[in-house]
């Protein structure tokens, strides 16, 4: 699995400083993605079916759909 296609549902694939694409709670129906840099991991479990919840450096919270770097 390449870096650009890592799964955002596994905590081991998401690290602080990584660029990710997330879906915010209010965009779950549309699936609109927001890109940003991970500031903090908010999900404690090793995996989550909807994606690991993170706080971006911009202050936006959402679940990781794609790990971009």
PDB file of N, CA and C in Angstrom:
ATOM      1  N   UNK A   1       0.846  -1.175   0.000  1.00  0.00           N
ATOM      2  CA  UNK A   1       0.000   0.000   0.000  1.00  0.00           C
ATOM      3  C   UNK A   1       0.897   1.246   0.000  1.00  0.00           C
ATOM      4  N   UNK A   2       0.675   2.132  -0.938  1.00  0.00           N
ATOM      5  CA  UNK A   2       1.513   3.326  -1.024  1.00  0.00           C
ATOM      6  C   UNK A   2       1.048   4.387  -0.027  1.00  0.00           C
ATOM      7  N   UNK A   3       1.910   5.333   0.222  1.00  0.00           N
ATOM      8  CA  UNK A   3       1.611   6.409   1.174  1.00  0.00           C
ATOM      9  C   UNK A   3       0.360   7.185   0.785  1.00  0.00           C
ATOM     10  N   UNK A   4       0.159   7.396  -0.523  1.00  0.00           N
ATOM     11  CA  UNK A   4      -0.962   8.213  -0.987  1.00  0.00           C
ATOM     12  C   UNK A   4      -2.308   7.494  -0.852  1.00  0.00           C
ATOM     13  N   UNK A   5      -2.302   6.188  -0.621  1.00  0.00           N
ATOM     14  CA  UNK A   5      -3.566   5.459  -0.548  1.00  0.00           C
ATOM     15  C   UNK A   5      -3.806   4.835   0.816  1.00  0.00           C
ATOM     16  N   UNK A   6      -3.086   5.270   1.824  1.00  0.00           N
ATOM     17  CA  UNK A   6      -3.270   4.690   3.155  1.00  0.00           C
ATOM     18  C   UNK A   6      -4.666   4.980   3.679  1.00  0.00           C
ATOM     19  N   UNK A   7      -5.177   4.018   4.421  1.00  0.00           N
ATOM     20  CA  UNK A   7      -6.536   4.039   4.930  1.00  0.00           C
ATOM     21  C   UNK A   7      -6.632   4.907   6.182  1.00  0.00           C
ATOM     22  N   UNK A   8      -7.557   5.843   6.201  1.00  0.00           N
ATOM     23  CA  UNK A   8      -7.765   6.722   7.342  1.00  0.00           C
ATOM     24  C   UNK A   8      -8.528   6.080   8.486  1.00  0.00           C
ATOM     25  N   UNK A   9      -8.900   4.806   8.333  1.00  0.00           N
ATOM     26  CA  UNK A   9      -9.625   4.108   9.406  1.00  0.00           C
ATOM     27  C   UNK A   9      -8.678   3.462  10.407  1.00  0.00           C
ATOM     28  N   UNK A  10      -7.385   3.386  10.076  1.00  0.00           N
ATOM     29  CA  UNK A  10      -6.382   2.789  10.958  1.00  0.00           C
ATOM     30  C   UNK A  10      -5.555   3.893  11.611  1.00  0.00           C
ATOM     31  N   UNK A  11      -5.497   3.895  12.948  1.00  0.00           N
ATOM     32  CA  UNK A  11      -4.769   4.939  13.674  1.00  0.00           C
ATOM     33  C   UNK A  11      -3.279   4.937  13.334  1.00  0.00           C
ATOM     34  N   UNK A  12      -2.719   3.755  13.054  1.00  0.00           N
ATOM     35  CA  UNK A  12      -1.286   3.662  12.746  1.00  0.00           C
ATOM     36  C   UNK A  12      -0.914   4.400  11.456  1.00  0.00           C
ATOM     37  N   UNK A  13      -1.885   4.659  10.574  1.00  0.00           N
ATOM     38  CA  UNK A  13      -1.628   5.352   9.314  1.00  0.00           C
ATOM     39  C   UNK A  13      -1.710   6.865   9.434  1.00  0.00           C
ATOM     40  N   UNK A  14      -2.228   7.367  10.562  1.00  0.00           N
ATOM     41  CA  UNK A  14      -2.447   8.805  10.743  1.00  0.00           C
ATOM     42  C   UNK A  14      -1.500   9.314  11.829  1.00  0.00           C
ATOM     43  N   UNK A  15      -0.653  10.263  11.472  1.00  0.00           N
ATOM     44  CA  UNK A  15       0.322  10.817  12.417  1.00  0.00           C
ATOM     45  C   UNK A  15       0.216  12.336  12.434  1.00  0.00           C
ATOM     46  N   UNK A  16       0.618  12.938  13.561  1.00  0.00           N
ATOM     47  CA  UNK A  16       0.650  14.389  13.671  1.00  0.00           C
ATOM     48  C   UNK A  16       1.623  14.938  12.621  1.00  0.00           C
ATOM     49  N   UNK A  17       1.185  15.969  11.904  1.00  0.00           N
ATOM     50  CA  UNK A  17       2.000  16.568  10.854  1.00  0.00           C
ATOM     51  C   UNK A  17       1.677  16.060   9.462  1.00  0.00           C
ATOM     52  N   UNK A  18       0.914  14.965   9.361  1.00  0.00           N
ATOM     53  CA  UNK A  18       0.529  14.427   8.056  1.00  0.00           C
ATOM     54  C   UNK A  18      -0.550  15.311   7.427  1.00  0.00           C
ATOM     55  N   UNK A  19      -0.532  15.399   6.109  1.00  0.00           N
ATOM     56  CA  UNK A  19      -1.601  16.061   5.368  1.00  0.00           C
ATOM     57  C   UNK A  19      -2.667  15.011   5.071  1.00  0.00           C
ATOM     58  N   UNK A  20      -3.916  15.340   5.413  1.00  0.00           N
ATOM     59  CA  UNK A  20      -5.016  14.388   5.255  1.00  0.00           C
ATOM     60  C   UNK A  20      -6.226  15.077   4.640  1.00  0.00           C
ATOM     61  N   UNK A  21      -7.149  14.262   4.138  1.00  0.00           N
ATOM     62  CA  UNK A  21      -8.451  14.747   3.686  1.00  0.00           C
ATOM     63  C   UNK A  21      -9.481  14.208   4.666  1.00  0.00           C
ATOM     64  N   UNK A  22     -10.244  15.129   5.270  1.00  0.00           N
ATOM     65  CA  UNK A  22     -11.241  14.718   6.260  1.00  0.00           C
ATOM     66  C   UNK A  22     -12.641  15.099   5.798  1.00  0.00           C
ATOM     67  N   UNK A  23     -13.626  14.467   6.412  1.00  0.00           N
ATOM     68  CA  UNK A  23     -15.018  14.882   6.233  1.00  0.00           C
ATOM     69  C   UNK A  23     -15.496  15.394   7.587  1.00  0.00           C
ATOM     70  N   UNK A  24     -16.025  16.616   7.590  1.00  0.00           N
ATOM     71  CA  UNK A  24     -16.545  17.216   8.811  1.00  0.00           C
ATOM     72  C   UNK A  24     -17.928  16.637   9.107  1.00  0.00           C
ATOM     73  N   UNK A  25     -18.352  16.700  10.364  1.00  0.00           N
ATOM     74  CA  UNK A  25     -19.639  16.164  10.790  1.00  0.00           C
ATOM     75  C   UNK A  25     -20.785  16.721   9.942  1.00  0.00           C
ATOM     76  N   UNK A  26     -20.782  18.025   9.702  1.00  0.00           N
ATOM     77  CA  UNK A  26     -21.879  18.641   8.939  1.00  0.00           C
ATOM     78  C   UNK A  26     -21.791  18.367   7.439  1.00  0.00           C
ATOM     79  N   UNK A  27     -20.726  17.722   6.969  1.00  0.00           N
ATOM     80  CA  UNK A  27     -20.580  17.380   5.546  1.00  0.00           C
ATOM     81  C   UNK A  27     -20.672  15.879   5.298  1.00  0.00           C
ATOM     82  N   UNK A  28     -21.061  15.102   6.317  1.00  0.00           N
ATOM     83  CA  UNK A  28     -21.095  13.651   6.159  1.00  0.00           C
ATOM     84  C   UNK A  28     -22.070  13.214   5.069  1.00  0.00           C
ATOM     85  N   UNK A  29     -23.192  13.892   4.941  1.00  0.00           N
ATOM     86  CA  UNK A  29     -24.185  13.516   3.919  1.00  0.00           C
ATOM     87  C   UNK A  29     -23.667  13.763   2.507  1.00  0.00           C
ATOM     88  N   UNK A  30     -22.961  14.883   2.312  1.00  0.00           N
ATOM     89  CA  UNK A  30     -22.465  15.223   0.980  1.00  0.00           C
ATOM     90  C   UNK A  30     -21.114  14.571   0.690  1.00  0.00           C
ATOM     91  N   UNK A  31     -20.355  14.250   1.747  1.00  0.00           N
ATOM     92  CA  UNK A  31     -19.036  13.655   1.562  1.00  0.00           C
ATOM     93  C   UNK A  31     -17.968  14.661   1.165  1.00  0.00           C
ATOM     94  N   UNK A  32     -18.262  15.956   1.332  1.00  0.00           N
ATOM     95  CA  UNK A  32     -17.297  17.001   0.976  1.00  0.00           C
ATOM     96  C   UNK A  32     -16.047  16.870   1.839  1.00  0.00           C
ATOM     97  N   UNK A  33     -14.886  16.819   1.190  1.00  0.00           N
ATOM     98  CA  UNK A  33     -13.616  16.639   1.888  1.00  0.00           C
ATOM     99  C   UNK A  33     -12.910  17.973   2.108  1.00  0.00           C
ATOM    100  N   UNK A  34     -12.207  18.049   3.226  1.00  0.00           N
ATOM    101  CA  UNK A  34     -11.407  19.218   3.579  1.00  0.00           C
ATOM    102  C   UNK A  34      -9.985  18.737   3.828  1.00  0.00           C
ATOM    103  N   UNK A  35      -9.013  19.386   3.208  1.00  0.00           N
ATOM    104  CA  UNK A  35      -7.613  19.002   3.405  1.00  0.00           C
ATOM    105  C   UNK A  35      -6.975  19.863   4.477  1.00  0.00           C
ATOM    106  N   UNK A  36      -6.032  19.253   5.198  1.00  0.00           N
ATOM    107  CA  UNK A  36      -5.322  19.986   6.222  1.00  0.00           C
ATOM    108  C   UNK A  36      -4.244  19.136   6.861  1.00  0.00           C
ATOM    109  N   UNK A  37      -3.528  19.737   7.795  1.00  0.00           N
ATOM    110  CA  UNK A  37      -2.432  19.077   8.500  1.00  0.00           C
ATOM    111  C   UNK A  37      -2.908  18.691   9.890  1.00  0.00           C
ATOM    112  N   UNK A  38      -2.645  17.451  10.278  1.00  0.00           N
ATOM    113  CA  UNK A  38      -3.092  16.924  11.571  1.00  0.00           C
ATOM    114  C   UNK A  38      -2.332  17.602  12.708  1.00  0.00           C
ATOM    115  N   UNK A  39      -3.095  18.166  13.648  1.00  0.00           N
ATOM    116  CA  UNK A  39      -2.512  18.772  14.842  1.00  0.00           C
ATOM    117  C   UNK A  39      -2.619  17.804  16.024  1.00  0.00           C
ATOM    118  N   UNK A  40      -3.746  17.065  16.085  1.00  0.00           N
ATOM    119  CA  UNK A  40      -3.992  16.175  17.210  1.00  0.00           C
ATOM    120  C   UNK A  40      -4.902  15.022  16.795  1.00  0.00           C
ATOM    121  N   UNK A  41      -4.641  13.821  17.313  1.00  0.00           N
ATOM    122  CA  UNK A  41      -5.516  12.669  17.096  1.00  0.00           C
ATOM    123  C   UNK A  41      -6.540  12.641  18.219  1.00  0.00           C
ATOM    124  N   UNK A  42      -7.818  12.527  17.873  1.00  0.00           N
ATOM    125  CA  UNK A  42      -8.881  12.554  18.876  1.00  0.00           C
ATOM    126  C   UNK A  42      -9.481  11.180  19.138  1.00  0.00           C
ATOM    127  N   UNK A  43      -9.242  10.208  18.254  1.00  0.00           N
ATOM    128  CA  UNK A  43      -9.722   8.848  18.453  1.00  0.00           C
ATOM    129  C   UNK A  43      -8.633   8.045  19.151  1.00  0.00           C
ATOM    130  N   UNK A  44      -8.993   7.390  20.252  1.00  0.00           N
ATOM    131  CA  UNK A  44      -8.016   6.612  21.016  1.00  0.00           C
ATOM    132  C   UNK A  44      -7.882   5.178  20.537  1.00  0.00           C
ATOM    133  N   UNK A  45      -8.938   4.615  19.940  1.00  0.00           N
ATOM    134  CA  UNK A  45      -8.879   3.216  19.505  1.00  0.00           C
ATOM    135  C   UNK A  45      -7.969   3.056  18.289  1.00  0.00           C
ATOM    136  N   UNK A  46      -7.514   1.827  18.039  1.00  0.00           N
ATOM    137  CA  UNK A  46      -6.568   1.571  16.944  1.00  0.00           C
ATOM    138  C   UNK A  46      -7.216   1.667  15.572  1.00  0.00           C
ATOM    139  N   UNK A  47      -8.542   1.546  15.512  1.00  0.00           N
ATOM    140  CA  UNK A  47      -9.243   1.730  14.237  1.00  0.00           C
ATOM    141  C   UNK A  47     -10.668   2.206  14.502  1.00  0.00           C
ATOM    142  N   UNK A  48     -11.283   2.771  13.465  1.00  0.00           N
ATOM    143  CA  UNK A  48     -12.661   3.248  13.552  1.00  0.00           C
ATOM    144  C   UNK A  48     -13.276   3.107  12.172  1.00  0.00           C
ATOM    145  N   UNK A  49     -14.480   2.519  12.070  1.00  0.00           N
ATOM    146  CA  UNK A  49     -15.079   2.254  10.750  1.00  0.00           C
ATOM    147  C   UNK A  49     -15.342   3.497   9.898  1.00  0.00           C
ATOM    148  N   UNK A  50     -15.592   4.654  10.518  1.00  0.00           N
ATOM    149  CA  UNK A  50     -15.821   5.881   9.752  1.00  0.00           C
ATOM    150  C   UNK A  50     -14.564   6.711   9.553  1.00  0.00           C
ATOM    151  N   UNK A  51     -13.466   6.332  10.174  1.00  0.00           N
ATOM    152  CA  UNK A  51     -12.223   7.086  10.060  1.00  0.00           C
ATOM    153  C   UNK A  51     -11.794   7.640  11.400  1.00  0.00           C
ATOM    154  N   UNK A  52     -10.498   7.818  11.568  1.00  0.00           N
ATOM    155  CA  UNK A  52      -9.932   8.353  12.807  1.00  0.00           C
ATOM    156  C   UNK A  52     -10.281   9.835  12.907  1.00  0.00           C
ATOM    157  N   UNK A  53     -10.799  10.256  14.058  1.00  0.00           N
ATOM    158  CA  UNK A  53     -11.159  11.666  14.252  1.00  0.00           C
ATOM    159  C   UNK A  53      -9.897  12.449  14.618  1.00  0.00           C
ATOM    160  N   UNK A  54      -9.713  13.583  13.915  1.00  0.00           N
ATOM    161  CA  UNK A  54      -8.528  14.416  14.134  1.00  0.00           C
ATOM    162  C   UNK A  54      -8.916  15.882  14.239  1.00  0.00           C
ATOM    163  N   UNK A  55      -8.007  16.648  14.845  1.00  0.00           N
ATOM    164  CA  UNK A  55      -8.080  18.104  14.866  1.00  0.00           C
ATOM    165  C   UNK A  55      -7.005  18.595  13.911  1.00  0.00           C
ATOM    166  N   UNK A  56      -7.397  19.412  12.948  1.00  0.00           N
ATOM    167  CA  UNK A  56      -6.430  19.978  12.009  1.00  0.00           C
ATOM    168  C   UNK A  56      -5.827  21.247  12.592  1.00  0.00           C
ATOM    169  N   UNK A  57      -4.692  21.683  12.044  1.00  0.00           N
ATOM    170  CA  UNK A  57      -4.041  22.913  12.505  1.00  0.00           C
ATOM    171  C   UNK A  57      -4.939  24.129  12.317  1.00  0.00           C
ATOM    172  N   UNK A  58      -5.895  24.040  11.393  1.00  0.00           N
ATOM    173  CA  UNK A  58      -6.840  25.134  11.150  1.00  0.00           C
ATOM    174  C   UNK A  58      -7.961  25.171  12.185  1.00  0.00           C
ATOM    175  N   UNK A  59      -8.026  24.153  13.073  1.00  0.00           N
ATOM    176  CA  UNK A  59      -9.060  24.103  14.097  1.00  0.00           C
ATOM    177  C   UNK A  59     -10.276  23.283  13.706  1.00  0.00           C
ATOM    178  N   UNK A  60     -10.284  22.748  12.494  1.00  0.00           N
ATOM    179  CA  UNK A  60     -11.402  21.936  12.006  1.00  0.00           C
ATOM    180  C   UNK A  60     -11.261  20.506  12.522  1.00  0.00           C
ATOM    181  N   UNK A  61     -12.390  19.926  12.957  1.00  0.00           N
ATOM    182  CA  UNK A  61     -12.416  18.545  13.437  1.00  0.00           C
ATOM    183  C   UNK A  61     -13.186  17.700  12.440  1.00  0.00           C
ATOM    184  N   UNK A  62     -12.670  16.504  12.160  1.00  0.00           N
ATOM    185  CA  UNK A  62     -13.369  15.598  11.263  1.00  0.00           C
ATOM    186  C   UNK A  62     -12.717  14.236  11.247  1.00  0.00           C
ATOM    187  N   UNK A  63     -13.289  13.342  10.445  1.00  0.00           N
ATOM    188  CA  UNK A  63     -12.786  11.982  10.345  1.00  0.00           C
ATOM    189  C   UNK A  63     -11.973  11.815   9.062  1.00  0.00           C
ATOM    190  N   UNK A  64     -10.809  11.175   9.192  1.00  0.00           N
ATOM    191  CA  UNK A  64      -9.881  11.023   8.072  1.00  0.00           C
ATOM    192  C   UNK A  64     -10.454  10.041   7.049  1.00  0.00           C
ATOM    193  N   UNK A  65     -10.511  10.478   5.811  1.00  0.00           N
ATOM    194  CA  UNK A  65     -10.935   9.620   4.695  1.00  0.00           C
ATOM    195  C   UNK A  65      -9.729   9.194   3.862  1.00  0.00           C
ATOM    196  N   UNK A  66      -8.729  10.093   3.742  1.00  0.00           N
ATOM    197  CA  UNK A  66      -7.525   9.799   2.948  1.00  0.00           C
ATOM    198  C   UNK A  66      -6.313  10.390   3.646  1.00  0.00           C
ATOM    199  N   UNK A  67      -5.236   9.623   3.669  1.00  0.00           N
ATOM    200  CA  UNK A  67      -3.947  10.126   4.154  1.00  0.00           C
ATOM    201  C   UNK A  67      -3.156  10.527   2.910  1.00  0.00           C
ATOM    202  N   UNK A  68      -2.849  11.814   2.775  1.00  0.00           N
ATOM    203  CA  UNK A  68      -2.201  12.317   1.564  1.00  0.00           C
ATOM    204  C   UNK A  68      -0.682  12.336   1.686  1.00  0.00           C
ATOM    205  N   UNK A  69      -0.150  12.481   2.893  1.00  0.00           N
ATOM    206  CA  UNK A  69       1.314  12.450   3.080  1.00  0.00           C
ATOM    207  C   UNK A  69       1.659  12.067   4.494  1.00  0.00           C
TER     208      UNK A  69
END
